[in-house]
PDB file of N, CA and C in Angstrom:
ATOM      1  N   MET A   1     -25.453  -2.258   8.477  1.00  0.00           N
ATOM      2  CA  MET A   1     -24.939  -1.960   7.153  1.00  0.00           C
ATOM      3  C   MET A   1     -24.104  -0.692   7.152  1.00  0.00           C
ATOM      4  N   ALA A   2     -24.499   0.307   7.944  1.00  0.00           N
ATOM      5  CA  ALA A   2     -23.752   1.558   8.000  1.00  0.00           C
ATOM      6  C   ALA A   2     -22.351   1.334   8.553  1.00  0.00           C
ATOM      7  N   LEU A   3     -22.221   0.423   9.502  1.00  0.00           N
ATOM      8  CA  LEU A   3     -20.913   0.121  10.071  1.00  0.00           C
ATOM      9  C   LEU A   3     -19.998  -0.491   9.012  1.00  0.00           C
ATOM     10  N   VAL A   4     -20.535  -1.363   8.203  1.00  0.00           N
ATOM     11  CA  VAL A   4     -19.749  -1.977   7.135  1.00  0.00           C
ATOM     12  C   VAL A   4     -19.278  -0.913   6.144  1.00  0.00           C
ATOM     13  N   ALA A   5     -20.146   0.024   5.803  1.00  0.00           N
ATOM     14  CA  ALA A   5     -19.789   1.097   4.876  1.00  0.00           C
ATOM     15  C   ALA A   5     -18.703   1.985   5.467  1.00  0.00           C
ATOM     16  N   LYS A   6     -18.792   2.291   6.753  1.00  0.00           N
ATOM     17  CA  LYS A   6     -17.775   3.110   7.404  1.00  0.00           C
ATOM     18  C   LYS A   6     -16.446   2.380   7.453  1.00  0.00           C
ATOM     19  N   LEU A   7     -16.481   1.107   7.765  1.00  0.00           N
ATOM     20  CA  LEU A   7     -15.259   0.307   7.811  1.00  0.00           C
ATOM     21  C   LEU A   7     -14.608   0.261   6.433  1.00  0.00           C
ATOM     22  N   TYR A   8     -15.419   0.099   5.398  1.00  0.00           N
ATOM     23  CA  TYR A   8     -14.900   0.082   4.035  1.00  0.00           C
ATOM     24  C   TYR A   8     -14.214   1.410   3.698  1.00  0.00           C
ATOM     25  N   MET A   9     -14.840   2.524   4.078  1.00  0.00           N
ATOM     26  CA  MET A   9     -14.271   3.843   3.804  1.00  0.00           C
ATOM     27  C   MET A   9     -12.935   4.024   4.532  1.00  0.00           C
ATOM     28  N   VAL A  10     -12.853   3.565   5.768  1.00  0.00           N
ATOM     29  CA  VAL A  10     -11.603   3.662   6.523  1.00  0.00           C
ATOM     30  C   VAL A  10     -10.519   2.831   5.857  1.00  0.00           C
ATOM     31  N   LEU A  11     -10.859   1.621   5.444  1.00  0.00           N
ATOM     32  CA  LEU A  11      -9.872   0.763   4.784  1.00  0.00           C
ATOM     33  C   LEU A  11      -9.413   1.365   3.462  1.00  0.00           C
ATOM     34  N   MET A  12     -10.317   1.979   2.717  1.00  0.00           N
ATOM     35  CA  MET A  12      -9.935   2.605   1.460  1.00  0.00           C
ATOM     36  C   MET A  12      -9.018   3.799   1.704  1.00  0.00           C
ATOM     37  N   TRP A  13      -9.305   4.568   2.769  1.00  0.00           N
ATOM     38  CA  TRP A  13      -8.432   5.684   3.115  1.00  0.00           C
ATOM     39  C   TRP A  13      -7.051   5.167   3.504  1.00  0.00           C
ATOM     40  N   MET A  14      -7.008   4.087   4.285  1.00  0.00           N
ATOM     41  CA  MET A  14      -5.730   3.509   4.685  1.00  0.00           C
ATOM     42  C   MET A  14      -4.953   3.041   3.462  1.00  0.00           C
ATOM     43  N   ARG A  15      -5.633   2.441   2.514  1.00  0.00           N
ATOM     44  CA  ARG A  15      -4.975   1.963   1.289  1.00  0.00           C
ATOM     45  C   ARG A  15      -4.381   3.141   0.529  1.00  0.00           C
ATOM     46  N   THR A  16      -5.130   4.226   0.413  1.00  0.00           N
ATOM     47  CA  THR A  16      -4.647   5.408  -0.295  1.00  0.00           C
ATOM     48  C   THR A  16      -3.451   6.008   0.424  1.00  0.00           C
ATOM     49  N   ALA A  17      -3.540   6.130   1.745  1.00  0.00           N
ATOM     50  CA  ALA A  17      -2.430   6.682   2.516  1.00  0.00           C
ATOM     51  C   ALA A  17      -1.210   5.779   2.405  1.00  0.00           C
ATOM     52  N   ASP A  18      -1.425   4.502   2.421  1.00  0.00           N
ATOM     53  CA  ASP A  18      -0.351   3.520   2.311  1.00  0.00           C
ATOM     54  C   ASP A  18       0.368   3.673   0.978  1.00  0.00           C
ATOM     55  N   ILE A  19      -0.370   3.805  -0.098  1.00  0.00           N
ATOM     56  CA  ILE A  19       0.227   3.959  -1.428  1.00  0.00           C
ATOM     57  C   ILE A  19       0.996   5.267  -1.512  1.00  0.00           C
ATOM     58  N   MET A  20       0.413   6.344  -1.015  1.00  0.00           N
ATOM     59  CA  MET A  20       1.082   7.632  -1.082  1.00  0.00           C
ATOM     60  C   MET A  20       2.353   7.634  -0.247  1.00  0.00           C
ATOM     61  N   PHE A  21       2.321   7.003   0.906  1.00  0.00           N
ATOM     62  CA  PHE A  21       3.491   6.963   1.777  1.00  0.00           C
ATOM     63  C   PHE A  21       4.666   6.311   1.062  1.00  0.00           C
ATOM     64  N   GLY A  22       4.409   5.270   0.354  1.00  0.00           N
ATOM     65  CA  GLY A  22       5.478   4.529  -0.292  1.00  0.00           C
ATOM     66  C   GLY A  22       6.061   5.202  -1.516  1.00  0.00           C
ATOM     67  N   MET A  23       5.424   6.238  -2.018  1.00  0.00           N
ATOM     68  CA  MET A  23       5.878   6.804  -3.275  1.00  0.00           C
ATOM     69  C   MET A  23       6.823   7.992  -3.107  1.00  0.00           C
ATOM     70  N   GLU A  24       6.418   8.986  -2.405  1.00  0.00           N
ATOM     71  CA  GLU A  24       7.182  10.232  -2.453  1.00  0.00           C
ATOM     72  C   GLU A  24       7.411  10.845  -1.073  1.00  0.00           C
ATOM     73  N   LEU A  25       7.663  10.045  -0.069  1.00  0.00           N
ATOM     74  CA  LEU A  25       7.875  10.603   1.258  1.00  0.00           C
ATOM     75  C   LEU A  25       9.150  11.432   1.291  1.00  0.00           C
ATOM     76  N   TYR A  26      10.206  10.932   0.692  1.00  0.00           N
ATOM     77  CA  TYR A  26      11.482  11.631   0.650  1.00  0.00           C
ATOM     78  C   TYR A  26      11.856  11.893  -0.806  1.00  0.00           C
ATOM     79  N   SER A  27      12.175  13.116  -1.104  1.00  0.00           N
ATOM     80  CA  SER A  27      12.667  13.401  -2.450  1.00  0.00           C
ATOM     81  C   SER A  27      13.754  14.472  -2.383  1.00  0.00           C
ATOM     82  N   ASP A  28      14.447  14.566  -1.248  1.00  0.00           N
ATOM     83  CA  ASP A  28      15.385  15.656  -1.019  1.00  0.00           C
ATOM     84  C   ASP A  28      16.686  15.539  -1.815  1.00  0.00           C
ATOM     85  N   ASP A  29      17.186  14.348  -2.090  1.00  0.00           N
ATOM     86  CA  ASP A  29      18.465  14.224  -2.769  1.00  0.00           C
ATOM     87  C   ASP A  29      18.329  14.010  -4.276  1.00  0.00           C
ATOM     88  N   GLY A  30      17.125  13.912  -4.785  1.00  0.00           N
ATOM     89  CA  GLY A  30      16.898  13.761  -6.214  1.00  0.00           C
ATOM     90  C   GLY A  30      16.948  12.335  -6.730  1.00  0.00           C
ATOM     91  N   CYS A  31      17.298  11.379  -5.878  1.00  0.00           N
ATOM     92  CA  CYS A  31      17.397   9.986  -6.332  1.00  0.00           C
ATOM     93  C   CYS A  31      16.039   9.468  -6.804  1.00  0.00           C
ATOM     94  N   LEU A  32      15.009   9.720  -6.030  1.00  0.00           N
ATOM     95  CA  LEU A  32      13.681   9.234  -6.412  1.00  0.00           C
ATOM     96  C   LEU A  32      13.185   9.921  -7.684  1.00  0.00           C
ATOM     97  N   ASP A  33      13.531  11.194  -7.823  1.00  0.00           N
ATOM     98  CA  ASP A  33      13.112  11.925  -9.021  1.00  0.00           C
ATOM     99  C   ASP A  33      13.816  11.405 -10.273  1.00  0.00           C
ATOM    100  N   ALA A  34      15.031  10.885 -10.108  1.00  0.00           N
ATOM    101  CA  ALA A  34      15.811  10.405 -11.248  1.00  0.00           C
ATOM    102  C   ALA A  34      15.496   8.961 -11.627  1.00  0.00           C
ATOM    103  N   CYS A  35      14.758   8.254 -10.781  1.00  0.00           N
ATOM    104  CA  CYS A  35      14.431   6.850 -11.074  1.00  0.00           C
ATOM    105  C   CYS A  35      13.482   6.742 -12.261  1.00  0.00           C
ATOM    106  N   ALA A  36      13.732   5.757 -13.085  1.00  0.00           N
ATOM    107  CA  ALA A  36      12.834   5.486 -14.210  1.00  0.00           C
ATOM    108  C   ALA A  36      11.684   4.626 -13.694  1.00  0.00           C
ATOM    109  N   VAL A  37      10.508   5.223 -13.595  1.00  0.00           N
ATOM    110  CA  VAL A  37       9.334   4.508 -13.104  1.00  0.00           C
ATOM    111  C   VAL A  37       8.185   4.694 -14.070  1.00  0.00           C
ATOM    112  N   THR A  38       7.216   3.814 -13.969  1.00  0.00           N
ATOM    113  CA  THR A  38       5.996   3.950 -14.761  1.00  0.00           C
ATOM    114  C   THR A  38       4.874   4.438 -13.861  1.00  0.00           C
ATOM    115  N   SER A  39       3.804   4.898 -14.455  1.00  0.00           N
ATOM    116  CA  SER A  39       2.653   5.342 -13.673  1.00  0.00           C
ATOM    117  C   SER A  39       1.552   4.282 -13.653  1.00  0.00           C
ATOM    118  N   ASP A  40       1.843   3.096 -14.151  1.00  0.00           N
ATOM    119  CA  ASP A  40       0.866   2.007 -14.147  1.00  0.00           C
ATOM    120  C   ASP A  40       0.434   1.695 -12.722  1.00  0.00           C
ATOM    121  N   TYR A  41      -0.859   1.425 -12.544  1.00  0.00           N
ATOM    122  CA  TYR A  41      -1.355   1.039 -11.236  1.00  0.00           C
ATOM    123  C   TYR A  41      -1.395  -0.487 -11.165  1.00  0.00           C
ATOM    124  N   ASN A  42      -0.421  -1.026 -10.456  1.00  0.00           N
ATOM    125  CA  ASN A  42      -0.299  -2.464 -10.264  1.00  0.00           C
ATOM    126  C   ASN A  42       0.319  -2.661  -8.877  1.00  0.00           C
ATOM    127  N   PRO A  43      -0.474  -2.429  -7.811  1.00  0.00           N
ATOM    128  CA  PRO A  43       0.084  -2.350  -6.457  1.00  0.00           C
ATOM    129  C   PRO A  43       0.785  -3.624  -6.005  1.00  0.00           C
ATOM    130  N   VAL A  44       1.879  -3.415  -5.285  1.00  0.00           N
ATOM    131  CA  VAL A  44       2.634  -4.506  -4.678  1.00  0.00           C
ATOM    132  C   VAL A  44       2.930  -4.132  -3.232  1.00  0.00           C
ATOM    133  N   CYS A  45       3.105  -5.152  -2.416  1.00  0.00           N
ATOM    134  CA  CYS A  45       3.396  -4.950  -1.003  1.00  0.00           C
ATOM    135  C   CYS A  45       4.874  -5.226  -0.762  1.00  0.00           C
ATOM    136  N   GLY A  46       5.548  -4.272  -0.156  1.00  0.00           N
ATOM    137  CA  GLY A  46       6.956  -4.441   0.173  1.00  0.00           C
ATOM    138  C   GLY A  46       7.132  -5.140   1.511  1.00  0.00           C
ATOM    139  N   THR A  47       8.347  -5.601   1.767  1.00  0.00           N
ATOM    140  CA  THR A  47       8.636  -6.251   3.044  1.00  0.00           C
ATOM    141  C   THR A  47       8.587  -5.263   4.206  1.00  0.00           C
ATOM    142  N   ASP A  48       8.476  -3.975   3.907  1.00  0.00           N
ATOM    143  CA  ASP A  48       8.286  -2.955   4.933  1.00  0.00           C
ATOM    144  C   ASP A  48       6.803  -2.700   5.200  1.00  0.00           C
ATOM    145  N   PHE A  49       5.928  -3.519   4.579  1.00  0.00           N
ATOM    146  CA  PHE A  49       4.477  -3.429   4.692  1.00  0.00           C
ATOM    147  C   PHE A  49       3.932  -2.094   4.198  1.00  0.00           C
ATOM    148  N   VAL A  50       4.559  -1.556   3.181  1.00  0.00           N
ATOM    149  CA  VAL A  50       4.092  -0.365   2.483  1.00  0.00           C
ATOM    150  C   VAL A  50       3.638  -0.805   1.105  1.00  0.00           C
ATOM    151  N   THR A  51       2.490  -0.298   0.682  1.00  0.00           N
ATOM    152  CA  THR A  51       1.996  -0.581  -0.664  1.00  0.00           C
ATOM    153  C   THR A  51       2.627   0.409  -1.634  1.00  0.00           C
ATOM    154  N   TYR A  52       3.265  -0.121  -2.659  1.00  0.00           N
ATOM    155  CA  TYR A  52       3.850   0.702  -3.713  1.00  0.00           C
ATOM    156  C   TYR A  52       2.947   0.604  -4.931  1.00  0.00           C
ATOM    157  N   ILE A  53       2.828   1.692  -5.670  1.00  0.00           N
ATOM    158  CA  ILE A  53       1.867   1.769  -6.761  1.00  0.00           C
ATOM    159  C   ILE A  53       2.155   0.740  -7.858  1.00  0.00           C
ATOM    160  N   ASN A  54       3.417   0.342  -8.003  1.00  0.00           N
ATOM    161  CA  ASN A  54       3.786  -0.710  -8.950  1.00  0.00           C
ATOM    162  C   ASN A  54       5.197  -1.202  -8.613  1.00  0.00           C
ATOM    163  N   PRO A  55       5.618  -2.305  -9.214  1.00  0.00           N
ATOM    164  CA  PRO A  55       6.942  -2.851  -8.882  1.00  0.00           C
ATOM    165  C   PRO A  55       8.109  -1.899  -9.170  1.00  0.00           C
ATOM    166  N   THR A  56       7.986  -1.045 -10.193  1.00  0.00           N
ATOM    167  CA  THR A  56       9.097  -0.137 -10.478  1.00  0.00           C
ATOM    168  C   THR A  56       9.281   0.882  -9.359  1.00  0.00           C
ATOM    169  N   ARG A  57       8.189   1.303  -8.736  1.00  0.00           N
ATOM    170  CA  ARG A  57       8.293   2.225  -7.596  1.00  0.00           C
ATOM    171  C   ARG A  57       8.979   1.546  -6.420  1.00  0.00           C
ATOM    172  N   LEU A  58       8.650   0.282  -6.190  1.00  0.00           N
ATOM    173  CA  LEU A  58       9.301  -0.464  -5.121  1.00  0.00           C
ATOM    174  C   LEU A  58      10.799  -0.590  -5.391  1.00  0.00           C
ATOM    175  N   LEU A  59      11.170  -0.919  -6.613  1.00  0.00           N
ATOM    176  CA  LEU A  59      12.587  -1.046  -6.947  1.00  0.00           C
ATOM    177  C   LEU A  59      13.330   0.279  -6.814  1.00  0.00           C
ATOM    178  N   CYS A  60      12.666   1.361  -7.161  1.00  0.00           N
ATOM    179  CA  CYS A  60      13.269   2.679  -7.021  1.00  0.00           C
ATOM    180  C   CYS A  60      13.493   3.002  -5.541  1.00  0.00           C
ATOM    181  N   TRP A  61      12.493   2.715  -4.720  1.00  0.00           N
ATOM    182  CA  TRP A  61      12.622   2.961  -3.282  1.00  0.00           C
ATOM    183  C   TRP A  61      13.762   2.115  -2.714  1.00  0.00           C
ATOM    184  N   LYS A  62      13.872   0.891  -3.184  1.00  0.00           N
ATOM    185  CA  LYS A  62      14.960   0.003  -2.742  1.00  0.00           C
ATOM    186  C   LYS A  62      16.317   0.604  -3.100  1.00  0.00           C
ATOM    187  N   LYS A  63      16.443   1.085  -4.320  1.00  0.00           N
ATOM    188  CA  LYS A  63      17.703   1.653  -4.786  1.00  0.00           C
ATOM    189  C   LYS A  63      18.074   2.923  -4.024  1.00  0.00           C
ATOM    190  N   CYS A  64      17.093   3.777  -3.771  1.00  0.00           N
ATOM    191  CA  CYS A  64      17.369   5.092  -3.200  1.00  0.00           C
ATOM    192  C   CYS A  64      17.331   5.149  -1.676  1.00  0.00           C
ATOM    193  N   ARG A  65      16.535   4.310  -1.051  1.00  0.00           N
ATOM    194  CA  ARG A  65      16.315   4.478   0.382  1.00  0.00           C
ATOM    195  C   ARG A  65      16.558   3.248   1.245  1.00  0.00           C
ATOM    196  N   ASP A  66      16.247   2.064   0.736  1.00  0.00           N
ATOM    197  CA  ASP A  66      16.290   0.884   1.598  1.00  0.00           C
ATOM    198  C   ASP A  66      16.776  -0.332   0.811  1.00  0.00           C
ATOM    199  N   PRO A  67      18.089  -0.574   0.808  1.00  0.00           N
ATOM    200  CA  PRO A  67      18.619  -1.692   0.017  1.00  0.00           C
ATOM    201  C   PRO A  67      18.129  -3.062   0.487  1.00  0.00           C
ATOM    202  N   ASP A  68      17.618  -3.156   1.696  1.00  0.00           N
ATOM    203  CA  ASP A  68      17.107  -4.433   2.204  1.00  0.00           C
ATOM    204  C   ASP A  68      15.647  -4.690   1.838  1.00  0.00           C
ATOM    205  N   LEU A  69      15.002  -3.724   1.201  1.00  0.00           N
ATOM    206  CA  LEU A  69      13.594  -3.851   0.837  1.00  0.00           C
ATOM    207  C   LEU A  69      13.399  -4.966  -0.179  1.00  0.00           C
ATOM    208  N   GLY A  70      12.344  -5.726   0.010  1.00  0.00           N
ATOM    209  CA  GLY A  70      11.999  -6.790  -0.925  1.00  0.00           C
ATOM    210  C   GLY A  70      10.511  -6.777  -1.231  1.00  0.00           C
ATOM    211  N   LEU A  71      10.110  -7.655  -2.087  1.00  0.00           N
ATOM    212  CA  LEU A  71       8.707  -7.795  -2.464  1.00  0.00           C
ATOM    213  C   LEU A  71       8.067  -8.857  -1.586  1.00  0.00           C
ATOM    214  N   ALA A  72       7.028  -8.461  -0.864  1.00  0.00           N
ATOM    215  CA  ALA A  72       6.321  -9.411   0.000  1.00  0.00           C
ATOM    216  C   ALA A  72       5.197 -10.109  -0.761  1.00  0.00           C
ATOM    217  N   HIS A  73       4.474  -9.353  -1.585  1.00  0.00           N
ATOM    218  CA  HIS A  73       3.335  -9.939  -2.292  1.00  0.00           C
ATOM    219  C   HIS A  73       2.933  -9.066  -3.464  1.00  0.00           C
ATOM    220  N   PHE A  74       2.384  -9.686  -4.510  1.00  0.00           N
ATOM    221  CA  PHE A  74       1.931  -8.979  -5.701  1.00  0.00           C
ATOM    222  C   PHE A  74       0.513  -8.455  -5.547  1.00  0.00           C
ATOM    223  N   THR A  75       0.257  -7.754  -4.474  1.00  0.00           N
ATOM    224  CA  THR A  75      -1.003  -7.068  -4.227  1.00  0.00           C
ATOM    225  C   THR A  75      -0.743  -6.003  -3.180  1.00  0.00           C
ATOM    226  N   GLY A  76      -1.705  -5.106  -2.967  1.00  0.00           N
ATOM    227  CA  GLY A  76      -1.534  -4.107  -1.929  1.00  0.00           C
ATOM    228  C   GLY A  76      -1.443  -4.756  -0.554  1.00  0.00           C
ATOM    229  N   CYS A  77      -0.754  -4.102   0.358  1.00  0.00           N
ATOM    230  CA  CYS A  77      -0.543  -4.686   1.688  1.00  0.00           C
ATOM    231  C   CYS A  77      -1.853  -4.913   2.447  1.00  0.00           C
ATOM    232  N   ILE A  78      -2.781  -3.980   2.344  1.00  0.00           N
ATOM    233  CA  ILE A  78      -4.066  -4.134   3.040  1.00  0.00           C
ATOM    234  C   ILE A  78      -4.782  -5.374   2.529  1.00  0.00           C
ATOM    235  N   ASP A  79      -4.824  -5.547   1.213  1.00  0.00           N
ATOM    236  CA  ASP A  79      -5.473  -6.734   0.636  1.00  0.00           C
ATOM    237  C   ASP A  79      -4.782  -8.002   1.069  1.00  0.00           C
ATOM    238  N   TRP A  80      -3.471  -7.972   1.112  1.00  0.00           N
ATOM    239  CA  TRP A  80      -2.709  -9.174   1.508  1.00  0.00           C
ATOM    240  C   TRP A  80      -2.949  -9.512   2.968  1.00  0.00           C
ATOM    241  N   ILE A  81      -2.892  -8.519   3.831  1.00  0.00           N
ATOM    242  CA  ILE A  81      -3.082  -8.737   5.274  1.00  0.00           C
ATOM    243  C   ILE A  81      -4.494  -9.244   5.559  1.00  0.00           C
ATOM    244  N   LEU A  82      -5.489  -8.649   4.884  1.00  0.00           N
ATOM    245  CA  LEU A  82      -6.888  -9.024   5.123  1.00  0.00           C
ATOM    246  C   LEU A  82      -7.296 -10.277   4.362  1.00  0.00           C
ATOM    247  N   GLY A  83      -6.451 -10.757   3.481  1.00  0.00           N
ATOM    248  CA  GLY A  83      -6.760 -11.952   2.712  1.00  0.00           C
ATOM    249  C   GLY A  83      -7.657 -11.701   1.515  1.00  0.00           C
ATOM    250  N   ASN A  84      -7.849 -10.445   1.143  1.00  0.00           N
ATOM    251  CA  ASN A  84      -8.717 -10.132   0.004  1.00  0.00           C
ATOM    252  C   ASN A  84      -8.146 -10.593  -1.320  1.00  0.00           C
ATOM    253  N   HIS A  85      -6.852 -10.834  -1.381  1.00  0.00           N
ATOM    254  CA  HIS A  85      -6.248 -11.297  -2.631  1.00  0.00           C
ATOM    255  C   HIS A  85      -6.669 -12.729  -2.954  1.00  0.00           C
ATOM    256  N   LEU A  86      -7.269 -13.398  -1.984  1.00  0.00           N
ATOM    257  CA  LEU A  86      -7.709 -14.775  -2.188  1.00  0.00           C
ATOM    258  C   LEU A  86      -9.107 -14.859  -2.780  1.00  0.00           C
ATOM    259  N   LEU A  87      -9.812 -13.716  -2.788  1.00  0.00           N
ATOM    260  CA  LEU A  87     -11.205 -13.720  -3.272  1.00  0.00           C
ATOM    261  C   LEU A  87     -11.271 -13.787  -4.776  1.00  0.00           C
TER     262      LEU A  87
END
Protein backbone atom coordinates (compact mmCIF):
# COMPACT_ATOMS: atom_id res chain seq x y z
CA MET A 1 0.00 0.00 0.00
CA ALA A 2 2.86 2.40 0.76
CA LEU A 3 4.23 1.90 -2.75
CA VAL A 4 0.88 2.84 -4.26
CA ALA A 5 0.76 6.00 -2.12
CA LYS A 6 4.29 6.97 -3.18
CA LEU A 7 3.48 6.36 -6.84
CA TYR A 8 0.36 8.50 -6.51
CA MET A 9 2.39 11.33 -4.95
CA VAL A 10 4.95 11.18 -7.77
CA LEU A 11 2.22 11.26 -10.41
CA MET A 12 0.55 14.22 -8.71
CA TRP A 13 3.88 16.07 -8.61
CA MET A 14 4.40 15.31 -12.30
CA ARG A 15 0.91 16.62 -13.08
CA THR A 16 1.62 19.85 -11.18
CA ALA A 17 4.99 20.31 -12.87
CA ASP A 18 3.42 19.57 -16.23
CA ILE A 19 0.73 22.22 -15.73
CA MET A 20 3.22 24.81 -14.52
CA PHE A 21 5.58 24.13 -17.42
CA GLY A 22 2.89 24.83 -19.95
CA MET A 23 1.81 28.12 -18.47
CA GLU A 24 4.62 30.54 -17.85
CA LEU A 25 7.96 29.10 -18.95
CA TYR A 26 8.67 32.06 -21.23
CA SER A 27 7.35 35.53 -20.63
CA ASP A 28 10.25 37.65 -21.93
CA ASP A 29 8.56 39.40 -24.88
CA GLY A 30 5.24 40.15 -23.16
CA CYS A 31 3.12 38.11 -25.58
CA LEU A 32 1.99 35.65 -22.93
CA ASP A 33 1.28 38.48 -20.50
CA ALA A 34 -0.91 40.22 -23.09
CA CYS A 35 -2.99 37.14 -23.91
CA ALA A 36 -6.58 37.14 -22.72
CA VAL A 37 -6.84 34.00 -20.60
CA THR A 38 -9.07 32.74 -17.84
CA SER A 39 -7.99 31.18 -14.57
CA ASP A 40 -10.55 28.37 -14.81
CA TYR A 41 -9.12 24.94 -14.08
CA ASN A 42 -10.11 22.77 -17.03
CA PRO A 43 -6.90 20.95 -18.03
CA VAL A 44 -6.22 20.01 -21.63
CA CYS A 45 -3.36 18.11 -23.21
CA GLY A 46 -1.50 19.73 -26.09
CA THR A 47 0.10 17.93 -29.00
CA ASP A 48 3.42 18.77 -27.31
CA PHE A 49 2.29 16.52 -24.40
CA VAL A 50 2.15 19.46 -22.00
CA THR A 51 -0.88 19.91 -19.78
CA TYR A 52 -2.31 23.42 -20.01
CA ILE A 53 -4.53 24.69 -17.21
CA ASN A 54 -7.36 25.39 -19.68
CA PRO A 55 -7.95 25.73 -23.44
CA THR A 56 -7.35 29.49 -23.43
CA ARG A 57 -3.83 28.95 -22.06
CA LEU A 58 -3.16 26.44 -24.82
CA LEU A 59 -4.39 28.88 -27.47
CA CYS A 60 -2.25 31.64 -26.00
CA TRP A 61 0.83 29.40 -26.06
CA LYS A 62 0.01 28.52 -29.67
CA LYS A 63 -0.24 32.18 -30.63
CA CYS A 64 2.91 33.29 -28.81
CA ARG A 65 5.29 30.35 -28.99
CA ASP A 66 4.25 27.40 -31.14
CA PRO A 67 1.94 27.93 -34.13
CA ASP A 68 1.91 24.17 -34.80
CA LEU A 69 0.52 23.37 -31.34
CA GLY A 70 -2.83 21.62 -31.27
CA LEU A 71 -5.21 20.04 -28.81
CA ALA A 72 -4.54 16.35 -28.21
CA HIS A 73 -7.21 15.65 -25.60
CA PHE A 74 -9.68 17.37 -23.26
CA THR A 75 -7.92 16.16 -20.12
CA GLY A 76 -4.49 16.46 -18.54
CA CYS A 77 -1.72 14.64 -20.37
CA ILE A 78 -0.92 12.32 -17.46
CA ASP A 79 -4.57 11.24 -17.23
CA TRP A 80 -4.75 10.73 -20.98
CA ILE A 81 -1.52 8.72 -21.18
CA LEU A 82 -2.46 6.54 -18.19
CA GLY A 83 -6.03 6.10 -19.40
CA ASN A 84 -7.55 7.67 -16.28
CA HIS A 85 -9.91 9.75 -18.41
CA LEU A 86 -11.75 6.51 -19.18
CA LEU A 87 -12.64 5.86 -15.53
